[in-house]
Amino acid sequence: MRKHLQFFRSNSKAGISLLNESLSSIETRIRVFYVFLLYYAISHIHEFHIYKSVTQLDTLWPVFWLHFCGEQKDLFVRGLLAFSLVGTLIGAFLSKFRLARLIAFLALIQYMGLKYSFGKTGHSLHLWLIISFLFVFLPSGWQEWQKLSKKFKYQIFIIFRTAQAMILCSYGMAGVGKLGGAFYQMILGQDHAFSSDSLELHVADRLLQTSLEPILGPYFIENTTFNFMMMPFAMIVQLFSFVVFFNPRLYKFWAALLIGTHIFNSLVFGIHFNPSVFLLGLFFF
């Protein structure tokens, strides 16, 4: 990665100019990142009634401390929800301060810990959580990068590029997991992702699980002409995502492909990853 970014460390006019241009864009993106966390917290206020009277929790480790709250657990849960709002508000308005970014990270991890302590863990916000932790380590004065030395400018750039690498790496890991699962099922003689009817089987299974009917779900069950291509294509797009990190010219194109897979999942399976779509757009468009 250092070799890949060596150009930005050079003292050439082209290297310095490109670094400054990148930092201007990065500053805006980081500010938008924290505004989105606030937006997400506010847009999920309507879910708070779910936690009104919490009796039993299968607590994840970030909120293990709720076990020690005794009869006051309900009160502490409400306090935690209030903290998730206040923490993201602080992060959005005061993102230039490291303490504010740390509070925003803690607010997010506490909220996610509570949200997924009911027996089912979703992962649409895990990348936001990882990157909010990474941004805690932005150097002081990152928002006034014009006044910083080249060393500090490069640190800002490295942290942002690491966030991009984390995003692409997570998709690459997802591709590896799906590919491994497909080969495992193939060895066992089961239906697998490379089967000619894999897509319609997955769609039908999803419809039976959720009793929902996504817009295009029934269509892909009834019309199977090109179905055999869909899942292998999505796996390949995910699998090679991290390789794309080393070729910035492909960023927009590959992010569009990844967003396309999310849109497809939403229309066909009813699986929505709206925060991930926004994250891809923010960091690669």
C-alpha atoms as a PDB file:
ATOM      1  CA  MET A   1       0.000   0.000   0.000  1.00  0.00           C
ATOM      2  CA  ARG A   2       2.887   2.378   0.775  1.00  0.00           C
ATOM      3  CA  LYS A   3       4.387   1.617  -2.628  1.00  0.00           C
ATOM      4  CA  HIS A   4       1.055   2.282  -4.276  1.00  0.00           C
ATOM      5  CA  LEU A   5       0.780   5.693  -2.580  1.00  0.00           C
ATOM      6  CA  GLN A   6       4.433   6.644  -3.057  1.00  0.00           C
ATOM      7  CA  PHE A   7       3.535   9.271  -5.673  1.00  0.00           C
ATOM      8  CA  PHE A   8       1.723  11.365  -3.083  1.00  0.00           C
ATOM      9  CA  ARG A   9       4.815  11.397  -0.868  1.00  0.00           C
ATOM     10  CA  SER A  10       6.996  12.800  -3.593  1.00  0.00           C
ATOM     11  CA  ASN A  11       7.960  16.465  -3.606  1.00  0.00           C
ATOM     12  CA  SER A  12       7.034  16.949  -7.247  1.00  0.00           C
ATOM     13  CA  LYS A  13       4.568  19.725  -8.069  1.00  0.00           C
ATOM     14  CA  ALA A  14       2.211  17.189  -9.618  1.00  0.00           C
ATOM     15  CA  GLY A  15       2.293  15.029  -6.480  1.00  0.00           C
ATOM     16  CA  ILE A  16       1.646  17.972  -4.128  1.00  0.00           C
ATOM     17  CA  SER A  17      -1.121  19.380  -6.352  1.00  0.00           C
ATOM     18  CA  LEU A  18      -2.898  16.022  -6.563  1.00  0.00           C
ATOM     19  CA  LEU A  19      -2.583  15.504  -2.811  1.00  0.00           C
ATOM     20  CA  ASN A  20      -4.105  18.936  -2.086  1.00  0.00           C
ATOM     21  CA  GLU A  21      -6.932  18.305  -4.533  1.00  0.00           C
ATOM     22  CA  SER A  22      -7.633  14.961  -2.851  1.00  0.00           C
ATOM     23  CA  LEU A  23      -7.590  16.482   0.647  1.00  0.00           C
ATOM     24  CA  SER A  24     -10.174  19.091  -0.335  1.00  0.00           C
ATOM     25  CA  SER A  25     -12.530  16.310  -1.397  1.00  0.00           C
ATOM     26  CA  ILE A  26     -11.675  14.158   1.634  1.00  0.00           C
ATOM     27  CA  GLU A  27     -12.514  16.974   4.058  1.00  0.00           C
ATOM     28  CA  THR A  28     -16.012  17.277   2.585  1.00  0.00           C
ATOM     29  CA  ARG A  29     -16.577  13.525   2.596  1.00  0.00           C
ATOM     30  CA  ILE A  30     -15.597  13.163   6.236  1.00  0.00           C
ATOM     31  CA  ARG A  31     -18.019  15.919   7.255  1.00  0.00           C
ATOM     32  CA  VAL A  32     -20.819  14.256   5.258  1.00  0.00           C
ATOM     33  CA  PHE A  33     -19.914  10.924   6.888  1.00  0.00           C
ATOM     34  CA  TYR A  34     -20.779  12.277  10.346  1.00  0.00           C
ATOM     35  CA  VAL A  35     -23.888  14.087   9.129  1.00  0.00           C
ATOM     36  CA  PHE A  36     -25.158  10.755   7.787  1.00  0.00           C
ATOM     37  CA  LEU A  37     -24.652   9.092  11.189  1.00  0.00           C
ATOM     38  CA  LEU A  38     -26.870  11.801  12.689  1.00  0.00           C
ATOM     39  CA  TYR A  39     -29.428  11.325   9.911  1.00  0.00           C
ATOM     40  CA  TYR A  40     -29.464   7.562  10.522  1.00  0.00           C
ATOM     41  CA  ALA A  41     -29.973   8.003  14.273  1.00  0.00           C
ATOM     42  CA  ILE A  42     -32.851  10.444  13.740  1.00  0.00           C
ATOM     43  CA  SER A  43     -34.495   8.346  11.019  1.00  0.00           C
ATOM     44  CA  HIS A  44     -34.635   5.356  13.397  1.00  0.00           C
ATOM     45  CA  ILE A  45     -36.262   7.168  16.318  1.00  0.00           C
ATOM     46  CA  HIS A  46     -39.527   5.455  15.367  1.00  0.00           C
ATOM     47  CA  GLU A  47     -37.939   2.110  16.336  1.00  0.00           C
ATOM     48  CA  PHE A  48     -37.324   3.197  19.922  1.00  0.00           C
ATOM     49  CA  HIS A  49     -40.718   1.879  21.024  1.00  0.00           C
ATOM     50  CA  ILE A  50     -39.296  -1.625  20.498  1.00  0.00           C
ATOM     51  CA  TYR A  51     -37.005  -1.071  23.478  1.00  0.00           C
ATOM     52  CA  LYS A  52     -39.600   0.501  25.807  1.00  0.00           C
ATOM     53  CA  SER A  53     -39.865  -2.444  28.170  1.00  0.00           C
ATOM     54  CA  VAL A  54     -36.814  -4.649  27.697  1.00  0.00           C
ATOM     55  CA  THR A  55     -37.030  -7.808  29.795  1.00  0.00           C
ATOM     56  CA  GLN A  56     -34.693 -10.308  28.145  1.00  0.00           C
ATOM     57  CA  LEU A  57     -31.618  -9.534  26.081  1.00  0.00           C
ATOM     58  CA  ASP A  58     -29.058 -11.755  24.388  1.00  0.00           C
ATOM     59  CA  THR A  59     -26.528  -8.970  24.871  1.00  0.00           C
ATOM     60  CA  LEU A  60     -23.610  -8.479  22.522  1.00  0.00           C
ATOM     61  CA  TRP A  61     -20.325  -7.465  24.123  1.00  0.00           C
ATOM     62  CA  PRO A  62     -20.650  -3.653  23.627  1.00  0.00           C
ATOM     63  CA  VAL A  63     -23.701  -3.587  25.908  1.00  0.00           C
ATOM     64  CA  PHE A  64     -22.809  -6.404  28.334  1.00  0.00           C
ATOM     65  CA  TRP A  65     -22.995  -3.817  31.137  1.00  0.00           C
ATOM     66  CA  LEU A  66     -26.813  -3.856  30.901  1.00  0.00           C
ATOM     67  CA  HIS A  67     -26.748  -7.155  32.824  1.00  0.00           C
ATOM     68  CA  PHE A  68     -25.604  -5.241  35.924  1.00  0.00           C
ATOM     69  CA  CYS A  69     -28.396  -2.668  35.813  1.00  0.00           C
ATOM     70  CA  GLY A  70     -30.942  -4.859  37.605  1.00  0.00           C
ATOM     71  CA  GLU A  71     -34.452  -3.422  37.784  1.00  0.00           C
ATOM     72  CA  GLN A  72     -33.216  -0.158  36.312  1.00  0.00           C
ATOM     73  CA  LYS A  73     -32.374  -1.805  32.987  1.00  0.00           C
ATOM     74  CA  ASP A  74     -35.237  -0.091  31.189  1.00  0.00           C
ATOM     75  CA  LEU A  75     -34.032   3.328  32.348  1.00  0.00           C
ATOM     76  CA  PHE A  76     -30.472   2.643  31.186  1.00  0.00           C
ATOM     77  CA  VAL A  77     -31.727   1.423  27.804  1.00  0.00           C
ATOM     78  CA  ARG A  78     -33.549   4.732  27.333  1.00  0.00           C
ATOM     79  CA  GLY A  79     -30.380   6.540  28.342  1.00  0.00           C
ATOM     80  CA  LEU A  80     -28.409   4.536  25.796  1.00  0.00           C
ATOM     81  CA  LEU A  81     -30.854   5.493  23.048  1.00  0.00           C
ATOM     82  CA  ALA A  82     -30.605   9.148  24.067  1.00  0.00           C
ATOM     83  CA  PHE A  83     -26.810   8.833  23.966  1.00  0.00           C
ATOM     84  CA  SER A  84     -26.970   7.458  20.411  1.00  0.00           C
ATOM     85  CA  LEU A  85     -28.794  10.623  19.325  1.00  0.00           C
ATOM     86  CA  VAL A  86     -26.683  13.089  21.291  1.00  0.00           C
ATOM     87  CA  GLY A  87     -23.417  11.347  20.351  1.00  0.00           C
ATOM     88  CA  THR A  88     -24.079  11.461  16.621  1.00  0.00           C
ATOM     89  CA  LEU A  89     -25.273  15.067  16.957  1.00  0.00           C
ATOM     90  CA  ILE A  90     -21.966  15.985  18.614  1.00  0.00           C
ATOM     91  CA  GLY A  91     -20.073  14.114  15.898  1.00  0.00           C
ATOM     92  CA  ALA A  92     -21.938  15.930  13.115  1.00  0.00           C
ATOM     93  CA  PHE A  93     -21.443  19.437  14.519  1.00  0.00           C
ATOM     94  CA  LEU A  94     -17.978  19.054  16.052  1.00  0.00           C
ATOM     95  CA  SER A  95     -16.297  16.476  13.822  1.00  0.00           C
ATOM     96  CA  LYS A  96     -13.091  18.509  13.754  1.00  0.00           C
ATOM     97  CA  PHE A  97     -12.456  17.496  17.390  1.00  0.00           C
ATOM     98  CA  ARG A  98     -11.102  14.028  18.135  1.00  0.00           C
ATOM     99  CA  LEU A  99     -13.169  13.717  21.319  1.00  0.00           C
ATOM    100  CA  ALA A 100     -16.361  14.393  19.341  1.00  0.00           C
ATOM    101  CA  ARG A 101     -15.435  11.705  16.809  1.00  0.00           C
ATOM    102  CA  LEU A 102     -14.720   9.283  19.649  1.00  0.00           C
ATOM    103  CA  ILE A 103     -18.120  10.031  21.220  1.00  0.00           C
ATOM    104  CA  ALA A 104     -19.817   9.454  17.844  1.00  0.00           C
ATOM    105  CA  PHE A 105     -18.072   6.068  17.548  1.00  0.00           C
ATOM    106  CA  LEU A 106     -19.109   5.063  21.078  1.00  0.00           C
ATOM    107  CA  ALA A 107     -22.696   6.173  20.420  1.00  0.00           C
ATOM    108  CA  LEU A 108     -22.832   4.071  17.262  1.00  0.00           C
ATOM    109  CA  ILE A 109     -21.328   0.931  18.783  1.00  0.00           C
ATOM    110  CA  GLN A 110     -23.646   1.140  21.795  1.00  0.00           C
ATOM    111  CA  TYR A 111     -26.715   1.587  19.595  1.00  0.00           C
ATOM    112  CA  MET A 112     -25.701  -1.308  17.336  1.00  0.00           C
ATOM    113  CA  GLY A 113     -24.934  -3.464  20.363  1.00  0.00           C
ATOM    114  CA  LEU A 114     -28.462  -2.894  21.674  1.00  0.00           C
ATOM    115  CA  LYS A 115     -30.158  -3.176  18.267  1.00  0.00           C
ATOM    116  CA  TYR A 116     -28.643  -6.608  17.642  1.00  0.00           C
ATOM    117  CA  SER A 117     -29.037  -8.022  21.159  1.00  0.00           C
ATOM    118  CA  PHE A 118     -32.339  -9.679  20.316  1.00  0.00           C
ATOM    119  CA  GLY A 119     -30.956 -12.857  18.722  1.00  0.00           C
ATOM    120  CA  LYS A 120     -30.299 -11.611  15.186  1.00  0.00           C
ATOM    121  CA  THR A 121     -27.272  -9.633  14.023  1.00  0.00           C
ATOM    122  CA  GLY A 122     -27.464  -7.518  10.892  1.00  0.00           C
ATOM    123  CA  HIS A 123     -24.394  -5.959   9.312  1.00  0.00           C
ATOM    124  CA  SER A 124     -25.560  -3.051   7.177  1.00  0.00           C
ATOM    125  CA  LEU A 125     -23.787  -0.587   9.515  1.00  0.00           C
ATOM    126  CA  HIS A 126     -20.623  -2.510  10.355  1.00  0.00           C
ATOM    127  CA  LEU A 127     -18.541  -0.635   7.784  1.00  0.00           C
ATOM    128  CA  TRP A 128     -19.781   2.687   9.162  1.00  0.00           C
ATOM    129  CA  LEU A 129     -18.738   1.525  12.614  1.00  0.00           C
ATOM    130  CA  ILE A 130     -15.249   0.433  11.510  1.00  0.00           C
ATOM    131  CA  ILE A 131     -14.634   3.674   9.623  1.00  0.00           C
ATOM    132  CA  SER A 132     -15.943   5.838  12.487  1.00  0.00           C
ATOM    133  CA  PHE A 133     -13.293   4.151  14.662  1.00  0.00           C
ATOM    134  CA  LEU A 134     -10.631   4.745  12.012  1.00  0.00           C
ATOM    135  CA  PHE A 135     -11.519   8.448  11.751  1.00  0.00           C
ATOM    136  CA  VAL A 136     -10.841   8.907  15.473  1.00  0.00           C
ATOM    137  CA  PHE A 137      -7.157   8.818  14.509  1.00  0.00           C
ATOM    138  CA  LEU A 138      -7.281  11.718  12.064  1.00  0.00           C
ATOM    139  CA  PRO A 139      -4.446  14.130  12.942  1.00  0.00           C
ATOM    140  CA  SER A 140      -5.261  17.391  14.705  1.00  0.00           C
ATOM    141  CA  GLY A 141      -6.178  20.159  12.279  1.00  0.00           C
ATOM    142  CA  TRP A 142      -7.300  17.774   9.537  1.00  0.00           C
ATOM    143  CA  GLN A 143     -10.144  20.132   8.562  1.00  0.00           C
ATOM    144  CA  GLU A 144      -7.605  22.948   7.987  1.00  0.00           C
ATOM    145  CA  TRP A 145      -5.254  20.824   5.919  1.00  0.00           C
ATOM    146  CA  GLN A 146      -3.957  23.863   3.988  1.00  0.00           C
ATOM    147  CA  LYS A 147      -2.016  24.934   7.121  1.00  0.00           C
ATOM    148  CA  LEU A 148      -0.549  21.487   7.856  1.00  0.00           C
ATOM    149  CA  SER A 149       2.864  20.169   6.929  1.00  0.00           C
ATOM    150  CA  LYS A 150       3.150  17.646   4.105  1.00  0.00           C
ATOM    151  CA  LYS A 151       3.673  14.872   6.677  1.00  0.00           C
ATOM    152  CA  PHE A 152       0.292  15.552   8.338  1.00  0.00           C
ATOM    153  CA  LYS A 153      -1.419  15.955   4.974  1.00  0.00           C
ATOM    154  CA  TYR A 154      -0.144  12.530   4.001  1.00  0.00           C
ATOM    155  CA  GLN A 155      -1.479  11.058   7.272  1.00  0.00           C
ATOM    156  CA  ILE A 156      -4.989  12.346   6.470  1.00  0.00           C
ATOM    157  CA  PHE A 157      -4.727  10.899   2.993  1.00  0.00           C
ATOM    158  CA  ILE A 158      -3.522   7.501   4.303  1.00  0.00           C
ATOM    159  CA  ILE A 159      -6.398   7.241   6.808  1.00  0.00           C
ATOM    160  CA  PHE A 160      -8.987   7.995   4.131  1.00  0.00           C
ATOM    161  CA  ARG A 161      -7.410   5.552   1.697  1.00  0.00           C
ATOM    162  CA  THR A 162      -7.360   2.926   4.450  1.00  0.00           C
ATOM    163  CA  ALA A 163     -11.102   3.472   4.877  1.00  0.00           C
ATOM    164  CA  GLN A 164     -11.555   2.881   1.145  1.00  0.00           C
ATOM    165  CA  ALA A 165      -9.441  -0.266   1.413  1.00  0.00           C
ATOM    166  CA  MET A 166     -11.580  -1.513   4.331  1.00  0.00           C
ATOM    167  CA  ILE A 167     -14.751  -1.067   2.279  1.00  0.00           C
ATOM    168  CA  LEU A 168     -13.376  -2.928  -0.724  1.00  0.00           C
ATOM    169  CA  CYS A 169     -11.788  -5.591   1.476  1.00  0.00           C
ATOM    170  CA  SER A 170     -15.117  -6.313   3.180  1.00  0.00           C
ATOM    171  CA  TYR A 171     -16.735  -6.965  -0.198  1.00  0.00           C
ATOM    172  CA  GLY A 172     -13.782  -9.146  -1.163  1.00  0.00           C
ATOM    173  CA  MET A 173     -14.248 -11.145   2.051  1.00  0.00           C
ATOM    174  CA  ALA A 174     -17.948 -11.537   1.251  1.00  0.00           C
ATOM    175  CA  GLY A 175     -16.992 -12.897  -2.169  1.00  0.00           C
ATOM    176  CA  VAL A 176     -14.537 -15.373  -0.632  1.00  0.00           C
ATOM    177  CA  GLY A 177     -17.209 -16.541   1.821  1.00  0.00           C
ATOM    178  CA  LYS A 178     -19.790 -17.084  -0.921  1.00  0.00           C
ATOM    179  CA  LEU A 179     -17.275 -18.850  -3.164  1.00  0.00           C
ATOM    180  CA  GLY A 180     -16.150 -21.117  -0.326  1.00  0.00           C
ATOM    181  CA  GLY A 181     -19.754 -21.937   0.547  1.00  0.00           C
ATOM    182  CA  ALA A 182     -20.526 -22.770  -3.087  1.00  0.00           C
ATOM    183  CA  PHE A 183     -17.584 -25.165  -3.400  1.00  0.00           C
ATOM    184  CA  TYR A 184     -18.447 -26.782  -0.059  1.00  0.00           C
ATOM    185  CA  GLN A 185     -22.020 -27.433  -1.213  1.00  0.00           C
ATOM    186  CA  MET A 186     -20.695 -28.671  -4.553  1.00  0.00           C
ATOM    187  CA  ILE A 187     -18.472 -31.240  -2.807  1.00  0.00           C
ATOM    188  CA  LEU A 188     -21.452 -32.429  -0.727  1.00  0.00           C
ATOM    189  CA  GLY A 189     -23.540 -32.825  -3.884  1.00  0.00           C
ATOM    190  CA  GLN A 190     -26.007 -30.136  -2.829  1.00  0.00           C
ATOM    191  CA  ASP A 191     -27.468 -27.273  -4.846  1.00  0.00           C
ATOM    192  CA  HIS A 192     -24.918 -24.461  -4.964  1.00  0.00           C
ATOM    193  CA  ALA A 193     -24.449 -20.941  -6.318  1.00  0.00           C
ATOM    194  CA  PHE A 194     -23.213 -22.243  -9.679  1.00  0.00           C
ATOM    195  CA  SER A 195     -26.287 -24.407 -10.213  1.00  0.00           C
ATOM    196  CA  SER A 196     -28.442 -23.392 -13.170  1.00  0.00           C
ATOM    197  CA  ASP A 197     -31.417 -22.885 -10.833  1.00  0.00           C
ATOM    198  CA  SER A 198     -29.541 -21.306  -7.927  1.00  0.00           C
ATOM    199  CA  LEU A 199     -31.145 -17.859  -8.173  1.00  0.00           C
ATOM    200  CA  GLU A 200     -34.769 -19.007  -8.252  1.00  0.00           C
ATOM    201  CA  LEU A 201     -34.099 -21.391  -5.336  1.00  0.00           C
ATOM    202  CA  HIS A 202     -32.610 -18.560  -3.281  1.00  0.00           C
ATOM    203  CA  VAL A 203     -35.471 -16.215  -4.146  1.00  0.00           C
ATOM    204  CA  ALA A 204     -38.112 -18.823  -3.290  1.00  0.00           C
ATOM    205  CA  ASP A 205     -36.387 -19.603   0.014  1.00  0.00           C
ATOM    206  CA  ARG A 206     -36.269 -15.914   0.883  1.00  0.00           C
ATOM    207  CA  LEU A 207     -39.958 -15.412   0.063  1.00  0.00           C
ATOM    208  CA  LEU A 208     -40.888 -18.369   2.279  1.00  0.00           C
ATOM    209  CA  GLN A 209     -38.769 -17.009   5.155  1.00  0.00           C
ATOM    210  CA  THR A 210     -40.122 -13.474   5.130  1.00  0.00           C
ATOM    211  CA  SER A 211     -43.594 -13.794   3.554  1.00  0.00           C
ATOM    212  CA  LEU A 212     -42.698 -10.638   1.606  1.00  0.00           C
ATOM    213  CA  GLU A 213     -42.978 -10.251  -2.142  1.00  0.00           C
ATOM    214  CA  PRO A 214     -40.167  -8.075  -3.554  1.00  0.00           C
ATOM    215  CA  ILE A 215     -40.946  -6.305  -6.816  1.00  0.00           C
ATOM    216  CA  LEU A 216     -38.936  -8.640  -9.069  1.00  0.00           C
ATOM    217  CA  GLY A 217     -38.823 -11.759  -6.879  1.00  0.00           C
ATOM    218  CA  PRO A 218     -41.668 -13.675  -8.578  1.00  0.00           C
ATOM    219  CA  TYR A 219     -40.386 -12.634 -12.015  1.00  0.00           C
ATOM    220  CA  PHE A 220     -37.027 -14.356 -11.513  1.00  0.00           C
ATOM    221  CA  ILE A 221     -38.750 -17.498 -10.251  1.00  0.00           C
ATOM    222  CA  GLU A 222     -40.879 -17.720 -13.382  1.00  0.00           C
ATOM    223  CA  ASN A 223     -38.329 -16.432 -15.935  1.00  0.00           C
ATOM    224  CA  THR A 224     -35.097 -18.401 -15.551  1.00  0.00           C
ATOM    225  CA  THR A 225     -33.333 -17.805 -18.882  1.00  0.00           C
ATOM    226  CA  PHE A 226     -30.408 -15.747 -17.529  1.00  0.00           C
ATOM    227  CA  ASN A 227     -30.582 -16.756 -13.872  1.00  0.00           C
ATOM    228  CA  PHE A 228     -27.526 -19.033 -14.044  1.00  0.00           C
ATOM    229  CA  MET A 229     -25.336 -15.948 -14.678  1.00  0.00           C
ATOM    230  CA  MET A 230     -26.584 -13.707 -11.891  1.00  0.00           C
ATOM    231  CA  MET A 231     -25.091 -15.191  -8.734  1.00  0.00           C
ATOM    232  CA  PRO A 232     -21.644 -16.072 -10.189  1.00  0.00           C
ATOM    233  CA  PHE A 233     -21.422 -12.527 -11.589  1.00  0.00           C
ATOM    234  CA  ALA A 234     -22.239 -10.964  -8.191  1.00  0.00           C
ATOM    235  CA  MET A 235     -19.658 -13.229  -6.523  1.00  0.00           C
ATOM    236  CA  ILE A 236     -16.964 -12.247  -9.024  1.00  0.00           C
ATOM    237  CA  VAL A 237     -17.697  -8.528  -8.523  1.00  0.00           C
ATOM    238  CA  GLN A 238     -17.338  -8.941  -4.756  1.00  0.00           C
ATOM    239  CA  LEU A 239     -14.351 -11.284  -4.950  1.00  0.00           C
ATOM    240  CA  PHE A 240     -12.165  -8.901  -6.963  1.00  0.00           C
ATOM    241  CA  SER A 241     -13.167  -5.744  -5.081  1.00  0.00           C
ATOM    242  CA  PHE A 242      -9.979  -5.449  -3.057  1.00  0.00           C
ATOM    243  CA  VAL A 243      -7.818  -5.797  -6.181  1.00  0.00           C
ATOM    244  CA  VAL A 244      -9.587  -2.697  -7.512  1.00  0.00           C
ATOM    245  CA  PHE A 245      -8.130  -0.667  -4.623  1.00  0.00           C
ATOM    246  CA  PHE A 246      -4.818  -0.578  -6.483  1.00  0.00           C
ATOM    247  CA  ASN A 247      -6.395   0.859  -9.616  1.00  0.00           C
ATOM    248  CA  PRO A 248      -8.195   4.152  -8.797  1.00  0.00           C
ATOM    249  CA  ARG A 249      -9.380   4.489 -12.404  1.00  0.00           C
ATOM    250  CA  LEU A 250     -11.813   1.643 -11.711  1.00  0.00           C
ATOM    251  CA  TYR A 251     -13.238   3.087  -8.472  1.00  0.00           C
ATOM    252  CA  LYS A 252     -16.396   4.639  -9.863  1.00  0.00           C
ATOM    253  CA  PHE A 253     -17.101   1.768 -12.228  1.00  0.00           C
ATOM    254  CA  TRP A 254     -16.606  -0.908  -9.548  1.00  0.00           C
ATOM    255  CA  ALA A 255     -18.569   1.027  -6.922  1.00  0.00           C
ATOM    256  CA  ALA A 256     -21.404   1.267  -9.465  1.00  0.00           C
ATOM    257  CA  LEU A 257     -21.266  -2.535  -9.912  1.00  0.00           C
ATOM    258  CA  LEU A 258     -21.402  -3.058  -6.140  1.00  0.00           C
ATOM    259  CA  ILE A 259     -24.285  -0.617  -5.812  1.00  0.00           C
ATOM    260  CA  GLY A 260     -25.970  -2.495  -8.644  1.00  0.00           C
ATOM    261  CA  THR A 261     -25.734  -5.756  -6.669  1.00  0.00           C
ATOM    262  CA  HIS A 262     -27.393  -4.022  -3.692  1.00  0.00           C
ATOM    263  CA  ILE A 263     -30.190  -2.687  -5.896  1.00  0.00           C
ATOM    264  CA  PHE A 264     -30.665  -6.157  -7.380  1.00  0.00           C
ATOM    265  CA  ASN A 265     -30.835  -7.720  -3.885  1.00  0.00           C
ATOM    266  CA  SER A 266     -33.373  -5.110  -2.848  1.00  0.00           C
ATOM    267  CA  LEU A 267     -35.641  -5.655  -5.850  1.00  0.00           C
ATOM    268  CA  VAL A 268     -35.327  -9.459  -6.005  1.00  0.00           C
ATOM    269  CA  PHE A 269     -34.745 -10.593  -2.416  1.00  0.00           C
ATOM    270  CA  GLY A 270     -36.102  -7.685  -0.387  1.00  0.00           C
ATOM    271  CA  ILE A 271     -32.705  -7.318   1.326  1.00  0.00           C
ATOM    272  CA  HIS A 272     -31.925  -3.627   1.730  1.00  0.00           C
ATOM    273  CA  PHE A 273     -28.440  -2.196   2.354  1.00  0.00           C
ATOM    274  CA  ASN A 274     -29.183   1.507   1.949  1.00  0.00           C
ATOM    275  CA  PRO A 275     -26.352   2.666   4.277  1.00  0.00           C
ATOM    276  CA  SER A 276     -23.846   0.615   2.260  1.00  0.00           C
ATOM    277  CA  VAL A 277     -25.051   2.161  -0.996  1.00  0.00           C
ATOM    278  CA  PHE A 278     -24.569   5.646   0.456  1.00  0.00           C
ATOM    279  CA  LEU A 279     -21.114   4.697   1.786  1.00  0.00           C
ATOM    280  CA  LEU A 280     -19.974   3.435  -1.620  1.00  0.00           C
ATOM    281  CA  GLY A 281     -21.204   6.615  -3.280  1.00  0.00           C
ATOM    282  CA  LEU A 282     -19.573   8.850  -0.679  1.00  0.00           C
ATOM    283  CA  PHE A 283     -16.162   7.198  -0.752  1.00  0.00           C
ATOM    284  CA  PHE A 284     -15.843   6.357  -4.448  1.00  0.00           C
ATOM    285  CA  PHE A 285     -18.002   8.813  -6.390  1.00  0.00           C
END
